Amino acid sequence: MLSVREVTASASTDRQGMRLLISGRDGTALNHLKTLSQGLPNLQVSTRLVSNGHTDPLYGLEQMPDFLLLRVSHLWREELAALLLHPVKERPPLLVCGPLDEREGMRLAMQAGARDFLPEPVAAEDLQSALNRMQMELHADQGAAGKLIAVMNAKGGSGASMLACNLAHQLSVLGGRTLLLDLDLQFGSLAHSLDVLPTHSHTDVLQQIDSLDSVALRGFCSHFSPTLHVLGGRTDELCLSQEIRLEQLDSLLRLARNTYDWVVVDLPRHIDHLTGITLEQSDRVYIVLQQSLSHLQDANRLVRILRDDLGVQSSRLHVVINRFDKTSPFKPKDISDALRCNDLQKLPNDYAVVSESQNTGVPLEFHAPRAAITLSLRELSQNLIGVEASEAGLFKRTFNRLFGG
């Protein structure tokens, strides 16, 4: 007779999200894995302790979980073989951990659809990174909308384009497929900052947006890497904002969010119908300024317009101090109090490093990975994602260890 105990992790009903089932034959191990996995938000975690009988971790479930974390036992052959009996479409995305160091076990795990194998002792950051990647993959498969991030100068030359370019690159490395959209219609420079030559422009896309799908949109973009695409203007064309209809940009933003995990938009420093619709749809808005009275005055005016006139919630507004100088008379607390913004980020003054990066068209993560500015940008992007992504896939590390690859 099958003996199964199911324990659901406590979670408030307003935070219900995707369901993770942790199944196995060792109650202590299951409770430990549950504790590690609860570091991720919007994840309902339940454990299933199977003490005898069937070896199928999905046996008798009334509702399939979104993800399955299988902690295999000495019966790992039978447990993985039982999963293989389920049709592919009925198997939830799978993670495997436990005493499984043999090549046969790794092959069976892959055949069962395992995304990753977590060697024991399982580290919290490895488990959370693996779960985060699986959540992003599931969102992409379901056509869930990606996040829209807007970056805007409080005063000209504050560094918004630098932030947008490097933030997009960081997100493409850590967080998934990313589109960098340059909405400075006349003097956009993001293509140069990544040393890509645009063959098409955002004007081309906007004029045909009603007939485009995700495949076509990717084709119009310049590809810095497989996960970072760029869409901006060409230097040989003049585009005026009044030539673009609000409905066209609205359609482009919606298509972009259905195509990419992240859409980072570099906005020009003025308010019109184009910047307005972008700010309205943005999940987060970064206002970039430097430590001077004129920057603070302009930032105060911009933040007031965004809050009072455009209705952007304060929770979506984030202030970034670029070229931070701790000796400046304008302290972070003064800026935070003046703008009524508690979430304030600081980027150090690495002018020479940033200038070299932009002149050569190489993102800071490649150009100067250990520079202070790069470390700050990396932290900012990791905070945005919510979970630090591991530098290499766990399967890759495992196979290198087992097979010497």
Foldseek 3Di string as FASTA:
>chain_A
DKDKDKDKDDDDPVFAAFEEEEEDADPVVQVVVQVLQVLDTNYIYMYMHINDDALARCPPDPDDGQEYEYAYDPVLVRHLVNLLVDPPVPDHAYEYEYPDQDPVSVVSCVSSRHPFYAYPPGDSQQVNQVVLVSVLVVCLVVLHFAAEEEEEELDPPLQRLLLLLQLQVLCLQRPFAEEEEEPPQADDDSCLLQVWAQPAAVVVCLVCVVPDALVVVQVNWTDSDPRYTYHHHHNPDHDDPVVGDLVSLLSVNRRNRSNINYYYYYDYPDDDSNVLVSLLRHQAYEYGFEPDPVSLVSLLVVLCCCCPVSNRDLVRYEYEHEQDDCPGPCDPVNSCVSNVHPHYAYAHRPPVQSVVSRNVSHRCCVSPVPDRRNVSSSVVSCVVSPRGHDNDGNRVVSCCVSPVD
